[in-house]
Amino acid sequence: MNNNDNAAGCAGRLANLILSLSSTLKNIDLEHKRELERLSLSTLEGDFAAVIMATLDKRHQQRREPYVRHLEELQERARQDALVKAWNDRSAMLAVAE
């Protein structure tokens, strides 16, 4: 396996991780939306409903936070990998031209 194959494999795994995390976040968001819809259909009113909504929102953010952080790290790594690949490709083209 050469460096290009290895880099392509890493990029593919990175892309799969990004897609998986994005899907997990989407599922967390859909579940939160359903919880809010259930709350809006309930007979709860006033301050009690507001407290429950605030609790649901806080829990939603807490559940999302580690996935968002990991996703941002992976996206930054993908950007860095793309820059390195572009630089290496440019260097290889310049070497051929010499």
C-alpha atoms as a PDB file:
ATOM      1  CA  MET A   1       0.000   0.000   0.000  1.00  0.00           C
ATOM      2  CA  ASN A   2       1.453   3.363  -0.963  1.00  0.00           C
ATOM      3  CA  ASN A   3       1.030   6.705   0.789  1.00  0.00           C
ATOM      4  CA  ASN A   4      -1.818   7.763  -1.518  1.00  0.00           C
ATOM      5  CA  ASP A   5      -3.797   4.596  -0.712  1.00  0.00           C
ATOM      6  CA  ASN A   6      -3.167   5.081   2.990  1.00  0.00           C
ATOM      7  CA  ALA A   7      -4.208   8.748   2.830  1.00  0.00           C
ATOM      8  CA  ALA A   8      -7.362   7.838   0.887  1.00  0.00           C
ATOM      9  CA  GLY A   9      -8.222   5.185   3.471  1.00  0.00           C
ATOM     10  CA  CYS A  10      -7.757   7.664   6.317  1.00  0.00           C
ATOM     11  CA  ALA A  11      -9.837  10.269   4.504  1.00  0.00           C
ATOM     12  CA  GLY A  12     -12.600   7.703   3.944  1.00  0.00           C
ATOM     13  CA  ARG A  13     -12.622   6.694   7.604  1.00  0.00           C
ATOM     14  CA  LEU A  14     -12.648  10.352   8.619  1.00  0.00           C
ATOM     15  CA  ALA A  15     -15.568  11.062   6.288  1.00  0.00           C
ATOM     16  CA  ASN A  16     -17.466   8.065   7.692  1.00  0.00           C
ATOM     17  CA  LEU A  17     -16.906   9.289  11.253  1.00  0.00           C
ATOM     18  CA  ILE A  18     -18.133  12.765  10.313  1.00  0.00           C
ATOM     19  CA  LEU A  19     -21.257  11.291   8.699  1.00  0.00           C
ATOM     20  CA  SER A  20     -21.897   9.061  11.714  1.00  0.00           C
ATOM     21  CA  LEU A  21     -21.586  11.935  14.172  1.00  0.00           C
ATOM     22  CA  SER A  22     -23.805  14.131  12.001  1.00  0.00           C
ATOM     23  CA  SER A  23     -26.421  11.381  11.945  1.00  0.00           C
ATOM     24  CA  THR A  24     -26.243  10.991  15.725  1.00  0.00           C
ATOM     25  CA  LEU A  25     -26.736  14.735  16.169  1.00  0.00           C
ATOM     26  CA  LYS A  26     -29.711  14.659  13.820  1.00  0.00           C
ATOM     27  CA  ASN A  27     -31.263  11.853  15.870  1.00  0.00           C
ATOM     28  CA  ILE A  28     -30.680  13.755  19.113  1.00  0.00           C
ATOM     29  CA  ASP A  29     -32.327  16.833  17.586  1.00  0.00           C
ATOM     30  CA  LEU A  30     -35.316  14.828  16.320  1.00  0.00           C
ATOM     31  CA  GLU A  31     -35.803  13.232  19.723  1.00  0.00           C
ATOM     32  CA  HIS A  32     -35.687  16.669  21.368  1.00  0.00           C
ATOM     33  CA  LYS A  33     -38.228  18.000  18.877  1.00  0.00           C
ATOM     34  CA  ARG A  34     -40.572  15.090  19.697  1.00  0.00           C
ATOM     35  CA  GLU A  35     -40.196  15.743  23.413  1.00  0.00           C
ATOM     36  CA  LEU A  36     -41.074  19.406  22.912  1.00  0.00           C
ATOM     37  CA  GLU A  37     -44.083  18.451  20.792  1.00  0.00           C
ATOM     38  CA  ARG A  38     -45.281  16.076  23.531  1.00  0.00           C
ATOM     39  CA  LEU A  39     -44.869  18.844  26.081  1.00  0.00           C
ATOM     40  CA  SER A  40     -46.849  21.284  23.931  1.00  0.00           C
ATOM     41  CA  LEU A  41     -49.671  18.717  23.666  1.00  0.00           C
ATOM     42  CA  SER A  42     -49.724  18.072  27.383  1.00  0.00           C
ATOM     43  CA  THR A  43     -52.083  19.683  29.852  1.00  0.00           C
ATOM     44  CA  LEU A  44     -49.167  21.266  31.715  1.00  0.00           C
ATOM     45  CA  GLU A  45     -49.319  25.011  31.888  1.00  0.00           C
ATOM     46  CA  GLY A  46     -47.466  28.030  33.151  1.00  0.00           C
ATOM     47  CA  ASP A  47     -44.343  27.872  35.230  1.00  0.00           C
ATOM     48  CA  PHE A  48     -44.313  24.076  35.456  1.00  0.00           C
ATOM     49  CA  ALA A  49     -44.302  23.678  31.682  1.00  0.00           C
ATOM     50  CA  ALA A  50     -41.591  26.351  31.406  1.00  0.00           C
ATOM     51  CA  VAL A  51     -39.412  24.520  33.947  1.00  0.00           C
ATOM     52  CA  ILE A  52     -39.835  21.236  32.076  1.00  0.00           C
ATOM     53  CA  MET A  53     -39.040  22.927  28.758  1.00  0.00           C
ATOM     54  CA  ALA A  54     -35.900  24.500  30.229  1.00  0.00           C
ATOM     55  CA  THR A  55     -34.877  21.099  31.597  1.00  0.00           C
ATOM     56  CA  LEU A  56     -35.441  19.458  28.213  1.00  0.00           C
ATOM     57  CA  ASP A  57     -33.428  22.186  26.476  1.00  0.00           C
ATOM     58  CA  LYS A  58     -30.566  21.868  28.955  1.00  0.00           C
ATOM     59  CA  ARG A  59     -30.486  18.078  28.617  1.00  0.00           C
ATOM     60  CA  HIS A  60     -30.559  18.437  24.822  1.00  0.00           C
ATOM     61  CA  GLN A  61     -27.538  20.749  24.861  1.00  0.00           C
ATOM     62  CA  GLN A  62     -25.677  18.457  27.259  1.00  0.00           C
ATOM     63  CA  ARG A  63     -26.323  15.430  25.039  1.00  0.00           C
ATOM     64  CA  ARG A  64     -25.228  17.306  21.894  1.00  0.00           C
ATOM     65  CA  GLU A  65     -22.117  18.963  23.270  1.00  0.00           C
ATOM     66  CA  PRO A  66     -19.631  16.051  23.168  1.00  0.00           C
ATOM     67  CA  TYR A  67     -20.772  15.071  19.655  1.00  0.00           C
ATOM     68  CA  VAL A  68     -20.514  18.659  18.403  1.00  0.00           C
ATOM     69  CA  ARG A  69     -17.038  19.015  19.924  1.00  0.00           C
ATOM     70  CA  HIS A  70     -15.864  15.748  18.359  1.00  0.00           C
ATOM     71  CA  LEU A  71     -17.415  16.673  15.010  1.00  0.00           C
ATOM     72  CA  GLU A  72     -15.637  20.049  15.027  1.00  0.00           C
ATOM     73  CA  GLU A  73     -12.333  18.312  15.793  1.00  0.00           C
ATOM     74  CA  LEU A  74     -12.821  15.860  12.930  1.00  0.00           C
ATOM     75  CA  GLN A  75     -13.810  18.636  10.521  1.00  0.00           C
ATOM     76  CA  GLU A  76     -10.690  20.593  11.472  1.00  0.00           C
ATOM     77  CA  ARG A  77      -8.579  17.475  10.938  1.00  0.00           C
ATOM     78  CA  ALA A  78     -10.200  16.968   7.520  1.00  0.00           C
ATOM     79  CA  ARG A  79      -9.389  20.580   6.582  1.00  0.00           C
ATOM     80  CA  GLN A  80      -5.777  20.130   7.703  1.00  0.00           C
ATOM     81  CA  ASP A  81      -5.483  16.838   5.811  1.00  0.00           C
ATOM     82  CA  ALA A  82      -6.855  18.520   2.679  1.00  0.00           C
ATOM     83  CA  LEU A  83      -4.308  21.336   2.990  1.00  0.00           C
ATOM     84  CA  VAL A  84      -1.458  18.859   3.441  1.00  0.00           C
ATOM     85  CA  LYS A  85      -2.654  16.855   0.437  1.00  0.00           C
ATOM     86  CA  ALA A  86      -2.912  20.015  -1.692  1.00  0.00           C
ATOM     87  CA  TRP A  87       0.577  21.077  -0.628  1.00  0.00           C
ATOM     88  CA  ASN A  88       2.013  17.618  -1.368  1.00  0.00           C
ATOM     89  CA  ASP A  89       0.263  17.511  -4.749  1.00  0.00           C
ATOM     90  CA  ARG A  90       1.631  20.971  -5.583  1.00  0.00           C
ATOM     91  CA  SER A  91       5.130  19.963  -4.502  1.00  0.00           C
ATOM     92  CA  ALA A  92       4.939  16.793  -6.597  1.00  0.00           C
ATOM     93  CA  MET A  93       3.819  18.790  -9.660  1.00  0.00           C
ATOM     94  CA  LEU A  94       6.671  21.268  -9.192  1.00  0.00           C
ATOM     95  CA  ALA A  95       9.168  18.411  -8.851  1.00  0.00           C
ATOM     96  CA  VAL A  96       7.936  16.877 -12.118  1.00  0.00           C
ATOM     97  CA  ALA A  97       8.180  20.261 -13.847  1.00  0.00           C
ATOM     98  CA  GLU A  98      11.824  20.654 -12.837  1.00  0.00           C
END
